[in-house]
PDB file of N, CA and C in Angstrom:
ATOM      1  N   MET A   1       0.829  -1.195   0.000  1.00  0.00           N
ATOM      2  CA  MET A   1       0.000   0.000   0.000  1.00  0.00           C
ATOM      3  C   MET A   1       0.870   1.253   0.000  1.00  0.00           C
ATOM      4  N   ILE A   2       1.905   1.246   0.808  1.00  0.00           N
ATOM      5  CA  ILE A   2       2.786   2.408   0.864  1.00  0.00           C
ATOM      6  C   ILE A   2       3.501   2.589  -0.467  1.00  0.00           C
ATOM      7  N   HIS A   3       3.812   1.484  -1.122  1.00  0.00           N
ATOM      8  CA  HIS A   3       4.453   1.579  -2.438  1.00  0.00           C
ATOM      9  C   HIS A   3       3.550   2.323  -3.416  1.00  0.00           C
ATOM     10  N   PHE A   4       2.267   1.995  -3.406  1.00  0.00           N
ATOM     11  CA  PHE A   4       1.333   2.671  -4.307  1.00  0.00           C
ATOM     12  C   PHE A   4       1.199   4.156  -3.974  1.00  0.00           C
ATOM     13  N   MET A   5       1.258   4.486  -2.706  1.00  0.00           N
ATOM     14  CA  MET A   5       1.197   5.892  -2.310  1.00  0.00           C
ATOM     15  C   MET A   5       2.424   6.642  -2.812  1.00  0.00           C
ATOM     16  N   LYS A   6       3.586   6.033  -2.712  1.00  0.00           N
ATOM     17  CA  LYS A   6       4.811   6.665  -3.217  1.00  0.00           C
ATOM     18  C   LYS A   6       4.760   6.855  -4.724  1.00  0.00           C
ATOM     19  N   VAL A   7       4.231   5.859  -5.433  1.00  0.00           N
ATOM     20  CA  VAL A   7       4.107   5.959  -6.897  1.00  0.00           C
ATOM     21  C   VAL A   7       3.165   7.097  -7.264  1.00  0.00           C
ATOM     22  N   GLU A   8       2.056   7.213  -6.555  1.00  0.00           N
ATOM     23  CA  GLU A   8       1.105   8.299  -6.829  1.00  0.00           C
ATOM     24  C   GLU A   8       1.720   9.665  -6.533  1.00  0.00           C
ATOM     25  N   LEU A   9       2.506   9.762  -5.481  1.00  0.00           N
ATOM     26  CA  LEU A   9       3.161  11.035  -5.169  1.00  0.00           C
ATOM     27  C   LEU A   9       4.137  11.426  -6.262  1.00  0.00           C
ATOM     28  N   ARG A  10       4.878  10.455  -6.777  1.00  0.00           N
ATOM     29  CA  ARG A  10       5.826  10.761  -7.862  1.00  0.00           C
ATOM     30  C   ARG A  10       5.090  11.113  -9.146  1.00  0.00           C
ATOM     31  N   LYS A  11       3.999  10.409  -9.428  1.00  0.00           N
ATOM     32  CA  LYS A  11       3.258  10.629 -10.660  1.00  0.00           C
ATOM     33  C   LYS A  11       2.556  11.986 -10.661  1.00  0.00           C
ATOM     34  N   GLY A  12       2.027  12.379  -9.538  1.00  0.00           N
ATOM     35  CA  GLY A  12       1.241  13.605  -9.469  1.00  0.00           C
ATOM     36  C   GLY A  12       2.026  14.843  -9.112  1.00  0.00           C
ATOM     37  N   HIS A  13       3.318  14.712  -8.866  1.00  0.00           N
ATOM     38  CA  HIS A  13       4.171  15.840  -8.488  1.00  0.00           C
ATOM     39  C   HIS A  13       3.596  16.582  -7.284  1.00  0.00           C
ATOM     40  N   MET A  14       3.204  15.830  -6.287  1.00  0.00           N
ATOM     41  CA  MET A  14       2.586  16.400  -5.100  1.00  0.00           C
ATOM     42  C   MET A  14       3.608  16.823  -4.050  1.00  0.00           C
ATOM     43  N   LYS A  15       4.854  16.471  -4.257  1.00  0.00           N
ATOM     44  CA  LYS A  15       5.865  16.746  -3.238  1.00  0.00           C
ATOM     45  C   LYS A  15       5.973  18.245  -2.951  1.00  0.00           C
ATOM     46  N   GLN A  16       5.915  19.075  -3.977  1.00  0.00           N
ATOM     47  CA  GLN A  16       6.010  20.523  -3.791  1.00  0.00           C
ATOM     48  C   GLN A  16       4.842  21.046  -2.966  1.00  0.00           C
ATOM     49  N   TYR A  17       3.645  20.529  -3.209  1.00  0.00           N
ATOM     50  CA  TYR A  17       2.472  20.991  -2.479  1.00  0.00           C
ATOM     51  C   TYR A  17       2.520  20.558  -1.017  1.00  0.00           C
ATOM     52  N   ILE A  18       3.007  19.349  -0.783  1.00  0.00           N
ATOM     53  CA  ILE A  18       3.129  18.869   0.589  1.00  0.00           C
ATOM     54  C   ILE A  18       4.159  19.692   1.344  1.00  0.00           C
ATOM     55  N   GLN A  19       5.280  19.987   0.713  1.00  0.00           N
ATOM     56  CA  GLN A  19       6.298  20.817   1.351  1.00  0.00           C
ATOM     57  C   GLN A  19       5.772  22.218   1.633  1.00  0.00           C
ATOM     58  N   ALA A  20       5.054  22.792   0.695  1.00  0.00           N
ATOM     59  CA  ALA A  20       4.504  24.143   0.884  1.00  0.00           C
ATOM     60  C   ALA A  20       3.489  24.170   2.019  1.00  0.00           C
ATOM     61  N   SER A  21       2.650  23.152   2.103  1.00  0.00           N
ATOM     62  CA  SER A  21       1.672  23.131   3.192  1.00  0.00           C
ATOM     63  C   SER A  21       2.349  22.898   4.536  1.00  0.00           C
ATOM     64  N   PHE A  22       3.415  22.113   4.572  1.00  0.00           N
ATOM     65  CA  PHE A  22       4.160  21.893   5.802  1.00  0.00           C
ATOM     66  C   PHE A  22       4.816  23.188   6.273  1.00  0.00           C
ATOM     67  N   ILE A  23       5.428  23.919   5.358  1.00  0.00           N
ATOM     68  CA  ILE A  23       6.074  25.190   5.699  1.00  0.00           C
ATOM     69  C   ILE A  23       5.030  26.214   6.146  1.00  0.00           C
ATOM     70  N   ALA A  24       3.911  26.275   5.439  1.00  0.00           N
ATOM     71  CA  ALA A  24       2.852  27.217   5.813  1.00  0.00           C
ATOM     72  C   ALA A  24       2.277  26.883   7.187  1.00  0.00           C
ATOM     73  N   SER A  25       2.169  25.617   7.512  1.00  0.00           N
ATOM     74  CA  SER A  25       1.666  25.219   8.832  1.00  0.00           C
ATOM     75  C   SER A  25       2.625  25.633   9.938  1.00  0.00           C
ATOM     76  N   ILE A  26       3.909  25.478   9.694  1.00  0.00           N
ATOM     77  CA  ILE A  26       4.902  25.891  10.690  1.00  0.00           C
ATOM     78  C   ILE A  26       4.867  27.401  10.872  1.00  0.00           C
ATOM     79  N   VAL A  27       4.775  28.140   9.779  1.00  0.00           N
ATOM     80  CA  VAL A  27       4.701  29.601   9.860  1.00  0.00           C
ATOM     81  C   VAL A  27       3.454  30.028  10.624  1.00  0.00           C
ATOM     82  N   LEU A  28       2.340  29.360  10.383  1.00  0.00           N
ATOM     83  CA  LEU A  28       1.105  29.696  11.087  1.00  0.00           C
ATOM     84  C   LEU A  28       1.215  29.376  12.572  1.00  0.00           C
ATOM     85  N   LEU A  29       1.846  28.280  12.922  1.00  0.00           N
ATOM     86  CA  LEU A  29       2.043  27.942  14.328  1.00  0.00           C
ATOM     87  C   LEU A  29       2.923  28.973  15.025  1.00  0.00           C
ATOM     88  N   VAL A  30       3.989  29.411  14.362  1.00  0.00           N
ATOM     89  CA  VAL A  30       4.860  30.450  14.921  1.00  0.00           C
ATOM     90  C   VAL A  30       4.077  31.757  15.072  1.00  0.00           C
ATOM     91  N   PHE A  31       3.222  32.058  14.109  1.00  0.00           N
ATOM     92  CA  PHE A  31       2.404  33.263  14.166  1.00  0.00           C
ATOM     93  C   PHE A  31       1.457  33.227  15.365  1.00  0.00           C
ATOM     94  N   ILE A  32       0.865  32.062  15.632  1.00  0.00           N
ATOM     95  CA  ILE A  32      -0.034  31.916  16.784  1.00  0.00           C
ATOM     96  C   ILE A  32       0.712  32.203  18.072  1.00  0.00           C
ATOM     97  N   TYR A  33       1.889  31.613  18.235  1.00  0.00           N
ATOM     98  CA  TYR A  33       2.638  31.825  19.469  1.00  0.00           C
ATOM     99  C   TYR A  33       3.189  33.246  19.573  1.00  0.00           C
ATOM    100  N   PHE A  34       3.509  33.866  18.447  1.00  0.00           N
ATOM    101  CA  PHE A  34       3.956  35.256  18.470  1.00  0.00           C
ATOM    102  C   PHE A  34       2.826  36.174  18.938  1.00  0.00           C
ATOM    103  N   ILE A  35       1.625  35.959  18.437  1.00  0.00           N
ATOM    104  CA  ILE A  35       0.471  36.763  18.854  1.00  0.00           C
ATOM    105  C   ILE A  35       0.220  36.582  20.350  1.00  0.00           C
ATOM    106  N   ALA A  36       0.281  35.325  20.828  1.00  0.00           N
ATOM    107  CA  ALA A  36       0.050  35.066  22.253  1.00  0.00           C
ATOM    108  C   ALA A  36       1.130  35.725  23.111  1.00  0.00           C
ATOM    109  N   PHE A  37       2.368  35.671  22.675  1.00  0.00           N
ATOM    110  CA  PHE A  37       3.469  36.280  23.413  1.00  0.00           C
ATOM    111  C   PHE A  37       3.331  37.799  23.440  1.00  0.00           C
ATOM    112  N   ALA A  38       3.017  38.396  22.291  1.00  0.00           N
ATOM    113  CA  ALA A  38       2.850  39.851  22.229  1.00  0.00           C
ATOM    114  C   ALA A  38       1.662  40.311  23.073  1.00  0.00           C
ATOM    115  N   ALA A  39       0.586  39.529  23.103  1.00  0.00           N
ATOM    116  CA  ALA A  39      -0.575  39.892  23.922  1.00  0.00           C
ATOM    117  C   ALA A  39      -0.243  39.818  25.399  1.00  0.00           C
ATOM    118  N   LYS A  40       0.594  38.867  25.773  1.00  0.00           N
ATOM    119  CA  LYS A  40       0.983  38.747  27.172  1.00  0.00           C
ATOM    120  C   LYS A  40       1.867  39.912  27.590  1.00  0.00           C
ATOM    121  N   ILE A  41       2.786  40.314  26.722  1.00  0.00           N
ATOM    122  CA  ILE A  41       3.696  41.427  27.017  1.00  0.00           C
ATOM    123  C   ILE A  41       2.921  42.749  27.081  1.00  0.00           C
ATOM    124  N   GLU A  42       2.052  42.966  26.115  1.00  0.00           N
ATOM    125  CA  GLU A  42       1.307  44.228  26.025  1.00  0.00           C
ATOM    126  C   GLU A  42       0.050  44.240  26.890  1.00  0.00           C
ATOM    127  N   ARG A  43      -0.268  43.138  27.521  1.00  0.00           N
ATOM    128  CA  ARG A  43      -1.465  42.983  28.354  1.00  0.00           C
ATOM    129  C   ARG A  43      -2.743  43.335  27.571  1.00  0.00           C
ATOM    130  N   GLU A  44      -2.816  42.776  26.390  1.00  0.00           N
ATOM    131  CA  GLU A  44      -3.980  42.972  25.524  1.00  0.00           C
ATOM    132  C   GLU A  44      -5.033  41.923  25.882  1.00  0.00           C
ATOM    133  N   PRO A  45      -6.163  42.339  26.460  1.00  0.00           N
ATOM    134  CA  PRO A  45      -7.136  41.334  26.920  1.00  0.00           C
ATOM    135  C   PRO A  45      -7.827  40.582  25.779  1.00  0.00           C
ATOM    136  N   GLY A  46      -7.940  41.204  24.617  1.00  0.00           N
ATOM    137  CA  GLY A  46      -8.629  40.547  23.504  1.00  0.00           C
ATOM    138  C   GLY A  46      -7.893  39.362  22.948  1.00  0.00           C
ATOM    139  N   PHE A  47      -6.577  39.384  23.014  1.00  0.00           N
ATOM    140  CA  PHE A  47      -5.791  38.306  22.426  1.00  0.00           C
ATOM    141  C   PHE A  47      -5.112  37.431  23.467  1.00  0.00           C
ATOM    142  N   GLN A  48      -5.520  37.509  24.715  1.00  0.00           N
ATOM    143  CA  GLN A  48      -4.976  36.606  25.707  1.00  0.00           C
ATOM    144  C   GLN A  48      -5.739  35.290  25.745  1.00  0.00           C
ATOM    145  N   GLN A  49      -6.784  35.188  24.980  1.00  0.00           N
ATOM    146  CA  GLN A  49      -7.545  33.946  24.875  1.00  0.00           C
ATOM    147  C   GLN A  49      -7.258  33.320  23.517  1.00  0.00           C
ATOM    148  N   TYR A  50      -7.050  32.009  23.513  1.00  0.00           N
ATOM    149  CA  TYR A  50      -6.691  31.342  22.275  1.00  0.00           C
ATOM    150  C   TYR A  50      -7.829  31.312  21.257  1.00  0.00           C
ATOM    151  N   THR A  51      -9.066  31.468  21.707  1.00  0.00           N
ATOM    152  CA  THR A  51     -10.165  31.476  20.738  1.00  0.00           C
ATOM    153  C   THR A  51     -10.061  32.683  19.817  1.00  0.00           C
ATOM    154  N   ASN A  52      -9.708  33.837  20.365  1.00  0.00           N
ATOM    155  CA  ASN A  52      -9.543  35.030  19.527  1.00  0.00           C
ATOM    156  C   ASN A  52      -8.309  34.922  18.641  1.00  0.00           C
ATOM    157  N   ILE A  53      -7.258  34.318  19.150  1.00  0.00           N
ATOM    158  CA  ILE A  53      -6.042  34.141  18.354  1.00  0.00           C
ATOM    159  C   ILE A  53      -6.323  33.199  17.192  1.00  0.00           C
ATOM    160  N   TYR A  54      -7.060  32.109  17.448  1.00  0.00           N
ATOM    161  CA  TYR A  54      -7.394  31.173  16.373  1.00  0.00           C
ATOM    162  C   TYR A  54      -8.301  31.815  15.335  1.00  0.00           C
ATOM    163  N   LEU A  55      -9.182  32.687  15.773  1.00  0.00           N
ATOM    164  CA  LEU A  55     -10.040  33.401  14.831  1.00  0.00           C
ATOM    165  C   LEU A  55      -9.207  34.279  13.907  1.00  0.00           C
ATOM    166  N   LEU A  56      -8.242  35.003  14.473  1.00  0.00           N
ATOM    167  CA  LEU A  56      -7.364  35.842  13.657  1.00  0.00           C
ATOM    168  C   LEU A  56      -6.520  35.009  12.700  1.00  0.00           C
ATOM    169  N   THR A  57      -5.922  33.932  13.200  1.00  0.00           N
ATOM    170  CA  THR A  57      -5.054  33.135  12.337  1.00  0.00           C
ATOM    171  C   THR A  57      -5.845  32.398  11.264  1.00  0.00           C
ATOM    172  N   SER A  58      -7.071  31.981  11.567  1.00  0.00           N
ATOM    173  CA  SER A  58      -7.878  31.340  10.523  1.00  0.00           C
ATOM    174  C   SER A  58      -8.264  32.341   9.440  1.00  0.00           C
ATOM    175  N   THR A  59      -8.494  33.581   9.835  1.00  0.00           N
ATOM    176  CA  THR A  59      -8.777  34.620   8.843  1.00  0.00           C
ATOM    177  C   THR A  59      -7.561  34.881   7.968  1.00  0.00           C
ATOM    178  N   VAL A  60      -6.394  34.949   8.580  1.00  0.00           N
ATOM    179  CA  VAL A  60      -5.147  35.132   7.807  1.00  0.00           C
ATOM    180  C   VAL A  60      -4.932  33.953   6.875  1.00  0.00           C
ATOM    181  N   TRP A  61      -5.199  32.734   7.361  1.00  0.00           N
ATOM    182  CA  TRP A  61      -5.014  31.540   6.539  1.00  0.00           C
ATOM    183  C   TRP A  61      -5.965  31.546   5.345  1.00  0.00           C
ATOM    184  N   MET A  62      -7.227  31.977   5.560  1.00  0.00           N
ATOM    185  CA  MET A  62      -8.182  32.026   4.456  1.00  0.00           C
ATOM    186  C   MET A  62      -7.783  33.075   3.424  1.00  0.00           C
ATOM    187  N   ILE A  63      -7.256  34.203   3.871  1.00  0.00           N
ATOM    188  CA  ILE A  63      -6.789  35.230   2.940  1.00  0.00           C
ATOM    189  C   ILE A  63      -5.616  34.701   2.125  1.00  0.00           C
ATOM    190  N   PHE A  64      -4.696  34.014   2.795  1.00  0.00           N
ATOM    191  CA  PHE A  64      -3.556  33.424   2.092  1.00  0.00           C
ATOM    192  C   PHE A  64      -4.015  32.395   1.073  1.00  0.00           C
ATOM    193  N   PHE A  65      -4.953  31.539   1.452  1.00  0.00           N
ATOM    194  CA  PHE A  65      -5.448  30.512   0.556  1.00  0.00           C
ATOM    195  C   PHE A  65      -6.167  31.127  -0.638  1.00  0.00           C
ATOM    196  N   LEU A  66      -6.977  32.154  -0.407  1.00  0.00           N
ATOM    197  CA  LEU A  66      -7.692  32.805  -1.481  1.00  0.00           C
ATOM    198  C   LEU A  66      -6.733  33.470  -2.455  1.00  0.00           C
ATOM    199  N   SER A  67      -5.706  34.151  -1.923  1.00  0.00           N
ATOM    200  CA  SER A  67      -4.756  34.813  -2.816  1.00  0.00           C
ATOM    201  C   SER A  67      -3.945  33.805  -3.612  1.00  0.00           C
ATOM    202  N   SER A  68      -3.618  32.658  -3.002  1.00  0.00           N
ATOM    203  CA  SER A  68      -2.867  31.647  -3.750  1.00  0.00           C
ATOM    204  C   SER A  68      -3.736  31.021  -4.843  1.00  0.00           C
ATOM    205  N   GLN A  69      -5.042  30.864  -4.585  1.00  0.00           N
ATOM    206  CA  GLN A  69      -5.930  30.322  -5.587  1.00  0.00           C
ATOM    207  C   GLN A  69      -6.121  31.312  -6.740  1.00  0.00           C
ATOM    208  N   LEU A  70      -6.199  32.606  -6.425  1.00  0.00           N
ATOM    209  CA  LEU A  70      -6.357  33.601  -7.482  1.00  0.00           C
ATOM    210  C   LEU A  70      -5.101  33.691  -8.333  1.00  0.00           C
ATOM    211  N   CYS A  71      -3.939  33.498  -7.732  1.00  0.00           N
ATOM    212  CA  CYS A  71      -2.700  33.511  -8.506  1.00  0.00           C
ATOM    213  C   CYS A  71      -2.618  32.316  -9.433  1.00  0.00           C
ATOM    214  N   CYS A  72      -3.139  31.176  -8.992  1.00  0.00           N
ATOM    215  CA  CYS A  72      -3.071  29.957  -9.797  1.00  0.00           C
ATOM    216  C   CYS A  72      -3.977  30.027 -11.020  1.00  0.00           C
ATOM    217  N   ILE A  73      -5.121  30.699 -10.894  1.00  0.00           N
ATOM    218  CA  ILE A  73      -6.036  30.746 -12.044  1.00  0.00           C
ATOM    219  C   ILE A  73      -5.758  31.967 -12.920  1.00  0.00           C
ATOM    220  N   GLY A  74      -4.840  32.838 -12.492  1.00  0.00           N
ATOM    221  CA  GLY A  74      -4.433  33.947 -13.340  1.00  0.00           C
ATOM    222  C   GLY A  74      -5.309  35.173 -13.256  1.00  0.00           C
ATOM    223  N   VAL A  75      -5.985  35.401 -12.157  1.00  0.00           N
ATOM    224  CA  VAL A  75      -6.850  36.583 -12.009  1.00  0.00           C
ATOM    225  C   VAL A  75      -6.025  37.739 -11.532  1.00  0.00           C
TER     226      VAL A  75
END
């Protein structure tokens, strides 16, 4: 089964997309912790809760995804 998965990855050239999503996930995780750290230092009550931080990061992620999709279709 793993052999077939490797063959499909090579055939579909998915390695670049997997690497890009892995890097984007790491950047997003660092962004979450940076926001939490900055909120703690600045004593910002709105961003001291992870629900608000996740809301902000999900919005940033959706904007990033939308812009990448628009670039791919040539708009």
